Amino acid sequence: ASRRLRVRSPRPAAMSDEEEEEATKEQKIVLPEYFTRKNELRQDLFEKLLVLAGEGVAKHKLQKDIAQHIKQALDKDVDFNELIGKGPWQVIVGRSYASAVTHEASHISFFDLPKFQETFLIYKSLAVQSV
């Protein structure tokens, strides 16, 4: 028989209304408006990716810098690197490009952020095998 474990977070010490409201604001993550062309990532990872993309376009003007910002964050984040021994993340940011890629199963996302007029193609490439 399986057992369910119910975990409750401890209640914080008494907070004023202002502190409680501020804590609630910090927990809410605002996702940028997006249009999904193709997504095979889990929903939680896709939402994290959207936040990273939004941060990237807010901090950087050049597309190569936006792509580098996202790639560095993906390479460091354990949630995005659960597949041990697999290839690195590839990030393409632009307005007009063509591509043909081979990627790990369930590790590709292709979406637009209309507000910034940018398209993102992000995928985990296959691991390199030595011959």
N, C-alpha and C. Protein backbone atom coordinates (compact mmCIF):
# COMPACT_ATOMS: atom_id res chain seq x y z
N ALA A 1 0.84 -1.18 0.00
CA ALA A 1 0.00 0.00 0.00
C ALA A 1 0.88 1.24 0.00
N SER A 2 0.51 2.21 -0.81
CA SER A 2 1.30 3.44 -0.85
C SER A 2 0.80 4.40 0.23
N ARG A 3 1.71 5.21 0.72
CA ARG A 3 1.36 6.17 1.75
C ARG A 3 1.65 7.56 1.23
N ARG A 4 0.78 8.46 1.54
CA ARG A 4 1.00 9.84 1.14
C ARG A 4 1.56 10.62 2.31
N LEU A 5 2.54 11.41 2.00
CA LEU A 5 3.17 12.23 3.02
C LEU A 5 2.72 13.66 2.80
N ARG A 6 2.17 14.26 3.79
CA ARG A 6 1.71 15.63 3.67
C ARG A 6 2.71 16.53 4.40
N VAL A 7 3.29 17.44 3.65
CA VAL A 7 4.28 18.35 4.22
C VAL A 7 3.68 19.74 4.30
N ARG A 8 3.79 20.33 5.44
CA ARG A 8 3.29 21.69 5.63
C ARG A 8 4.47 22.59 5.95
N SER A 9 4.47 23.73 5.31
CA SER A 9 5.55 24.67 5.62
C SER A 9 5.24 25.33 6.96
N PRO A 10 6.28 25.62 7.72
CA PRO A 10 6.04 26.25 9.01
C PRO A 10 5.45 27.64 8.83
N ARG A 11 4.59 28.01 9.74
CA ARG A 11 3.99 29.35 9.67
C ARG A 11 5.02 30.39 10.08
N PRO A 12 5.10 31.47 9.30
CA PRO A 12 6.05 32.51 9.67
C PRO A 12 5.59 33.24 10.92
N ALA A 13 6.53 33.91 11.55
CA ALA A 13 6.19 34.72 12.72
C ALA A 13 5.18 35.77 12.28
N ALA A 14 4.48 36.32 13.22
CA ALA A 14 3.44 37.30 12.90
C ALA A 14 4.01 38.43 12.05
N MET A 15 3.32 38.71 10.94
CA MET A 15 3.76 39.78 10.04
C MET A 15 2.69 40.83 9.97
N SER A 16 3.13 42.04 9.73
CA SER A 16 2.16 43.11 9.54
C SER A 16 1.52 42.91 8.17
N ASP A 17 0.42 43.62 7.93
CA ASP A 17 -0.27 43.50 6.64
C ASP A 17 0.66 43.90 5.50
N GLU A 18 1.48 44.92 5.70
CA GLU A 18 2.39 45.38 4.65
C GLU A 18 3.45 44.32 4.35
N GLU A 19 4.00 43.71 5.39
CA GLU A 19 5.02 42.67 5.18
C GLU A 19 4.43 41.45 4.47
N GLU A 20 3.21 41.08 4.87
CA GLU A 20 2.56 39.94 4.25
C GLU A 20 2.27 40.21 2.78
N GLU A 21 1.82 41.43 2.47
CA GLU A 21 1.53 41.81 1.08
C GLU A 21 2.82 41.80 0.26
N GLU A 22 3.92 42.29 0.82
CA GLU A 22 5.21 42.31 0.14
C GLU A 22 5.70 40.89 -0.13
N ALA A 23 5.55 40.00 0.84
CA ALA A 23 5.96 38.60 0.68
C ALA A 23 5.16 37.93 -0.44
N THR A 24 3.87 38.24 -0.52
CA THR A 24 3.02 37.68 -1.57
C THR A 24 3.46 38.19 -2.93
N LYS A 25 3.82 39.46 -3.04
CA LYS A 25 4.28 40.02 -4.30
C LYS A 25 5.56 39.33 -4.76
N GLU A 26 6.46 39.04 -3.85
CA GLU A 26 7.73 38.41 -4.20
C GLU A 26 7.52 36.99 -4.71
N GLN A 27 6.50 36.31 -4.25
CA GLN A 27 6.27 34.92 -4.65
C GLN A 27 5.64 34.84 -6.04
N LYS A 28 4.95 35.89 -6.48
CA LYS A 28 4.29 35.87 -7.78
C LYS A 28 5.31 36.18 -8.87
N ILE A 29 5.42 35.29 -9.82
CA ILE A 29 6.31 35.49 -10.95
C ILE A 29 5.43 35.84 -12.15
N VAL A 30 5.73 36.96 -12.77
CA VAL A 30 4.93 37.40 -13.91
C VAL A 30 5.58 36.87 -15.19
N LEU A 31 4.83 36.07 -15.91
CA LEU A 31 5.32 35.53 -17.17
C LEU A 31 5.05 36.55 -18.27
N PRO A 32 6.03 36.74 -19.17
CA PRO A 32 5.78 37.65 -20.29
C PRO A 32 4.74 37.04 -21.22
N GLU A 33 4.07 37.89 -22.01
CA GLU A 33 3.13 37.38 -23.00
C GLU A 33 3.92 36.60 -24.04
N TYR A 34 3.43 35.41 -24.41
CA TYR A 34 4.17 34.57 -25.34
C TYR A 34 3.24 33.85 -26.30
N PHE A 35 3.82 33.38 -27.39
CA PHE A 35 3.12 32.57 -28.37
C PHE A 35 3.96 31.31 -28.58
N THR A 36 3.41 30.15 -28.26
CA THR A 36 4.14 28.89 -28.37
C THR A 36 4.00 28.31 -29.77
N ARG A 37 5.13 28.05 -30.39
CA ARG A 37 5.12 27.37 -31.69
C ARG A 37 5.27 25.86 -31.48
N LYS A 38 6.18 25.50 -30.58
CA LYS A 38 6.37 24.08 -30.23
C LYS A 38 7.01 24.05 -28.85
N ASN A 39 6.51 23.19 -27.99
CA ASN A 39 7.12 23.04 -26.67
C ASN A 39 6.97 21.60 -26.21
N GLU A 40 8.10 20.99 -25.87
CA GLU A 40 8.08 19.64 -25.32
C GLU A 40 8.64 19.60 -23.91
N LEU A 41 8.95 20.76 -23.34
CA LEU A 41 9.44 20.81 -21.96
C LEU A 41 8.28 20.63 -21.00
N ARG A 42 8.60 20.17 -19.79
CA ARG A 42 7.59 20.15 -18.73
C ARG A 42 7.11 21.58 -18.50
N GLN A 43 5.89 21.73 -18.03
CA GLN A 43 5.31 23.06 -17.86
C GLN A 43 6.11 23.93 -16.88
N ASP A 44 6.60 23.35 -15.78
CA ASP A 44 7.36 24.15 -14.81
C ASP A 44 8.66 24.65 -15.43
N LEU A 45 9.33 23.81 -16.24
CA LEU A 45 10.56 24.25 -16.89
C LEU A 45 10.27 25.29 -17.97
N PHE A 46 9.17 25.11 -18.69
CA PHE A 46 8.80 26.08 -19.72
C PHE A 46 8.55 27.45 -19.10
N GLU A 47 7.87 27.48 -17.97
CA GLU A 47 7.61 28.76 -17.30
C GLU A 47 8.91 29.40 -16.82
N LYS A 48 9.84 28.60 -16.30
CA LYS A 48 11.15 29.14 -15.90
C LYS A 48 11.90 29.69 -17.12
N LEU A 49 11.76 29.00 -18.25
CA LEU A 49 12.40 29.44 -19.48
C LEU A 49 11.83 30.77 -19.96
N LEU A 50 10.51 30.92 -19.85
CA LEU A 50 9.88 32.18 -20.23
C LEU A 50 10.38 33.34 -19.36
N VAL A 51 10.54 33.07 -18.07
CA VAL A 51 11.06 34.10 -17.16
C VAL A 51 12.49 34.47 -17.56
N LEU A 52 13.32 33.45 -17.85
CA LEU A 52 14.69 33.71 -18.29
C LEU A 52 14.72 34.53 -19.57
N ALA A 53 13.86 34.20 -20.52
CA ALA A 53 13.80 34.94 -21.78
C ALA A 53 13.38 36.38 -21.53
N GLY A 54 12.38 36.57 -20.67
CA GLY A 54 11.94 37.91 -20.32
C GLY A 54 13.04 38.73 -19.66
N GLU A 55 13.79 38.09 -18.75
CA GLU A 55 14.92 38.77 -18.10
C GLU A 55 15.98 39.13 -19.13
N GLY A 56 16.24 38.19 -20.04
CA GLY A 56 17.27 38.41 -21.07
C GLY A 56 16.97 39.60 -21.95
N VAL A 57 15.73 39.71 -22.44
CA VAL A 57 15.40 40.84 -23.32
C VAL A 57 15.32 42.15 -22.54
N ALA A 58 15.03 42.07 -21.25
CA ALA A 58 14.99 43.29 -20.43
C ALA A 58 16.40 43.82 -20.14
N LYS A 59 17.37 42.91 -19.98
CA LYS A 59 18.74 43.31 -19.61
C LYS A 59 19.63 43.61 -20.79
N HIS A 60 19.36 42.99 -21.95
CA HIS A 60 20.29 43.09 -23.08
C HIS A 60 19.60 43.58 -24.34
N LYS A 61 20.35 44.31 -25.16
CA LYS A 61 19.80 44.81 -26.43
C LYS A 61 20.12 43.88 -27.59
N LEU A 62 21.33 43.31 -27.59
CA LEU A 62 21.74 42.46 -28.70
C LEU A 62 21.24 41.03 -28.53
N GLN A 63 20.82 40.43 -29.64
CA GLN A 63 20.28 39.08 -29.60
C GLN A 63 21.31 38.06 -29.11
N LYS A 64 22.57 38.23 -29.48
CA LYS A 64 23.61 37.29 -29.03
C LYS A 64 23.78 37.36 -27.52
N ASP A 65 23.61 38.54 -26.93
CA ASP A 65 23.73 38.69 -25.48
C ASP A 65 22.52 38.08 -24.76
N ILE A 66 21.35 38.21 -25.37
CA ILE A 66 20.14 37.59 -24.81
C ILE A 66 20.31 36.06 -24.81
N ALA A 67 20.78 35.53 -25.94
CA ALA A 67 20.99 34.08 -26.06
C ALA A 67 22.02 33.60 -25.04
N GLN A 68 23.10 34.35 -24.88
CA GLN A 68 24.15 33.95 -23.93
C GLN A 68 23.62 33.99 -22.50
N HIS A 69 22.82 35.00 -22.17
CA HIS A 69 22.22 35.12 -20.83
C HIS A 69 21.39 33.87 -20.52
N ILE A 70 20.55 33.46 -21.47
CA ILE A 70 19.68 32.30 -21.28
C ILE A 70 20.51 31.02 -21.18
N LYS A 71 21.48 30.84 -22.10
CA LYS A 71 22.29 29.62 -22.11
C LYS A 71 23.06 29.44 -20.81
N GLN A 72 23.68 30.51 -20.32
CA GLN A 72 24.44 30.41 -19.08
C GLN A 72 23.54 30.02 -17.91
N ALA A 73 22.34 30.58 -17.86
CA ALA A 73 21.40 30.23 -16.79
C ALA A 73 20.96 28.77 -16.91
N LEU A 74 20.70 28.31 -18.14
CA LEU A 74 20.27 26.92 -18.35
C LEU A 74 21.38 25.94 -17.96
N ASP A 75 22.61 26.26 -18.33
CA ASP A 75 23.72 25.36 -18.03
C ASP A 75 23.98 25.25 -16.53
N LYS A 76 23.64 26.28 -15.76
CA LYS A 76 23.88 26.27 -14.31
C LYS A 76 22.72 25.66 -13.52
N ASP A 77 21.52 25.72 -14.06
CA ASP A 77 20.31 25.31 -13.33
C ASP A 77 20.16 23.78 -13.32
N VAL A 78 20.13 23.20 -12.12
CA VAL A 78 20.01 21.74 -11.99
C VAL A 78 18.71 21.20 -12.59
N ASP A 79 17.63 21.96 -12.49
CA ASP A 79 16.35 21.50 -13.03
C ASP A 79 16.42 21.25 -14.53
N PHE A 80 17.23 22.03 -15.23
CA PHE A 80 17.35 21.89 -16.68
C PHE A 80 18.41 20.87 -17.08
N ASN A 81 19.12 20.32 -16.10
CA ASN A 81 20.21 19.39 -16.41
C ASN A 81 20.04 18.05 -15.70
N GLU A 82 18.82 17.54 -15.69
CA GLU A 82 18.54 16.27 -15.05
C GLU A 82 19.08 15.09 -15.86
N LEU A 83 19.25 15.29 -17.16
CA LEU A 83 19.77 14.23 -18.03
C LEU A 83 21.29 14.24 -17.94
N ILE A 84 21.85 13.36 -17.14
CA ILE A 84 23.30 13.33 -16.94
C ILE A 84 23.98 12.77 -18.19
N GLY A 85 25.08 13.39 -18.58
CA GLY A 85 25.85 12.90 -19.71
C GLY A 85 25.28 13.27 -21.06
N LYS A 86 24.33 14.16 -21.09
CA LYS A 86 23.74 14.57 -22.36
C LYS A 86 24.40 15.86 -22.83
N GLY A 87 24.04 16.29 -24.03
CA GLY A 87 24.66 17.46 -24.64
C GLY A 87 24.25 18.76 -23.98
N PRO A 88 24.90 19.85 -24.41
CA PRO A 88 24.61 21.17 -23.85
C PRO A 88 23.35 21.79 -24.43
N TRP A 89 22.88 22.84 -23.79
CA TRP A 89 21.73 23.60 -24.28
C TRP A 89 22.18 24.50 -25.42
N GLN A 90 21.35 24.65 -26.42
CA GLN A 90 21.59 25.54 -27.55
C GLN A 90 20.48 26.59 -27.53
N VAL A 91 20.84 27.85 -27.70
CA VAL A 91 19.86 28.94 -27.65
C VAL A 91 20.01 29.81 -28.88
N ILE A 92 18.92 29.98 -29.61
CA ILE A 92 18.90 30.83 -30.80
C ILE A 92 17.83 31.88 -30.58
N VAL A 93 18.23 33.15 -30.73
CA VAL A 93 17.30 34.27 -30.56
C VAL A 93 17.38 35.11 -31.82
N GLY A 94 16.23 35.46 -32.38
CA GLY A 94 16.25 36.28 -33.58
C GLY A 94 14.86 36.63 -34.03
N ARG A 95 14.81 37.29 -35.19
CA ARG A 95 13.53 37.68 -35.76
C ARG A 95 13.21 36.87 -37.01
N SER A 96 14.26 36.42 -37.69
CA SER A 96 14.05 35.66 -38.91
C SER A 96 15.22 34.70 -39.11
N TYR A 97 14.96 33.42 -39.04
CA TYR A 97 16.00 32.42 -39.27
C TYR A 97 15.35 31.08 -39.60
N ALA A 98 16.13 30.23 -40.21
CA ALA A 98 15.68 28.86 -40.51
C ALA A 98 16.58 27.91 -39.75
N SER A 99 16.07 26.75 -39.42
CA SER A 99 16.89 25.79 -38.69
C SER A 99 16.41 24.37 -38.93
N ALA A 100 17.34 23.45 -38.75
CA ALA A 100 17.03 22.02 -38.74
C ALA A 100 17.90 21.46 -37.63
N VAL A 101 17.28 20.94 -36.57
CA VAL A 101 18.05 20.52 -35.40
C VAL A 101 17.69 19.10 -34.98
N THR A 102 18.64 18.48 -34.30
CA THR A 102 18.41 17.19 -33.66
C THR A 102 18.57 17.45 -32.17
N HIS A 103 17.60 17.02 -31.38
CA HIS A 103 17.61 17.36 -29.95
C HIS A 103 17.22 16.15 -29.11
N GLU A 104 17.51 16.26 -27.83
CA GLU A 104 17.08 15.24 -26.87
C GLU A 104 15.55 15.24 -26.83
N ALA A 105 14.97 14.08 -26.65
CA ALA A 105 13.51 13.97 -26.54
C ALA A 105 13.01 14.82 -25.39
N SER A 106 11.93 15.51 -25.60
CA SER A 106 11.27 16.35 -24.58
C SER A 106 12.15 17.50 -24.08
N HIS A 107 13.08 17.96 -24.91
CA HIS A 107 13.95 19.06 -24.51
C HIS A 107 14.08 20.10 -25.62
N ILE A 108 12.93 20.61 -26.07
CA ILE A 108 12.93 21.67 -27.08
C ILE A 108 11.78 22.62 -26.80
N SER A 109 12.04 23.90 -27.06
CA SER A 109 11.01 24.91 -26.91
C SER A 109 11.22 25.97 -27.99
N PHE A 110 10.15 26.31 -28.68
CA PHE A 110 10.19 27.28 -29.78
C PHE A 110 9.02 28.23 -29.54
N PHE A 111 9.33 29.48 -29.22
CA PHE A 111 8.26 30.42 -28.86
C PHE A 111 8.64 31.85 -29.22
N ASP A 112 7.62 32.72 -29.23
CA ASP A 112 7.81 34.15 -29.50
C ASP A 112 7.44 34.95 -28.27
N LEU A 113 8.12 36.08 -28.09
CA LEU A 113 7.70 37.09 -27.13
C LEU A 113 7.30 38.31 -27.97
N PRO A 114 6.00 38.42 -28.30
CA PRO A 114 5.54 39.46 -29.22
C PRO A 114 5.89 40.89 -28.78
N LYS A 115 5.85 41.15 -27.50
CA LYS A 115 6.15 42.50 -26.99
C LYS A 115 7.54 42.94 -27.42
N PHE A 116 8.48 42.00 -27.48
CA PHE A 116 9.88 42.31 -27.81
C PHE A 116 10.21 41.96 -29.27
N GLN A 117 9.25 41.41 -29.99
CA GLN A 117 9.41 41.00 -31.38
C GLN A 117 10.63 40.07 -31.54
N GLU A 118 10.73 39.10 -30.65
CA GLU A 118 11.83 38.13 -30.70
C GLU A 118 11.27 36.71 -30.70
N THR A 119 11.97 35.83 -31.41
CA THR A 119 11.63 34.41 -31.46
C THR A 119 12.78 33.64 -30.82
N PHE A 120 12.44 32.62 -30.05
CA PHE A 120 13.43 31.83 -29.32
C PHE A 120 13.31 30.37 -29.72
N LEU A 121 14.44 29.76 -30.03
CA LEU A 121 14.52 28.32 -30.26
C LEU A 121 15.56 27.82 -29.28
N ILE A 122 15.12 27.01 -28.33
CA ILE A 122 15.99 26.54 -27.26
C ILE A 122 15.84 25.03 -27.16
N TYR A 123 16.97 24.33 -27.23
CA TYR A 123 16.91 22.88 -27.17
C TYR A 123 18.19 22.32 -26.58
N LYS A 124 18.10 21.10 -26.09
CA LYS A 124 19.26 20.40 -25.56
C LYS A 124 19.77 19.48 -26.67
N SER A 125 21.01 19.71 -27.08
CA SER A 125 21.56 18.92 -28.18
C SER A 125 21.91 17.52 -27.71
N LEU A 126 22.09 16.64 -28.67
CA LEU A 126 22.45 15.26 -28.35
C LEU A 126 23.89 15.20 -27.84
N ALA A 127 24.16 14.26 -26.99
CA ALA A 127 25.51 14.09 -26.46
C ALA A 127 26.44 13.63 -27.58
N VAL A 128 27.66 14.09 -27.53
CA VAL A 128 28.66 13.68 -28.52
C VAL A 128 29.21 12.33 -28.10
N GLN A 129 29.19 11.39 -29.02
CA GLN A 129 29.71 10.06 -28.73
C GLN A 129 31.03 9.87 -29.45
N SER A 130 32.03 9.41 -28.74
CA SER A 130 33.32 9.18 -29.37
C SER A 130 33.28 7.87 -30.16
N VAL A 131 34.03 7.84 -31.23
CA VAL A 131 34.01 6.69 -32.14
C VAL A 131 35.08 5.69 -31.75
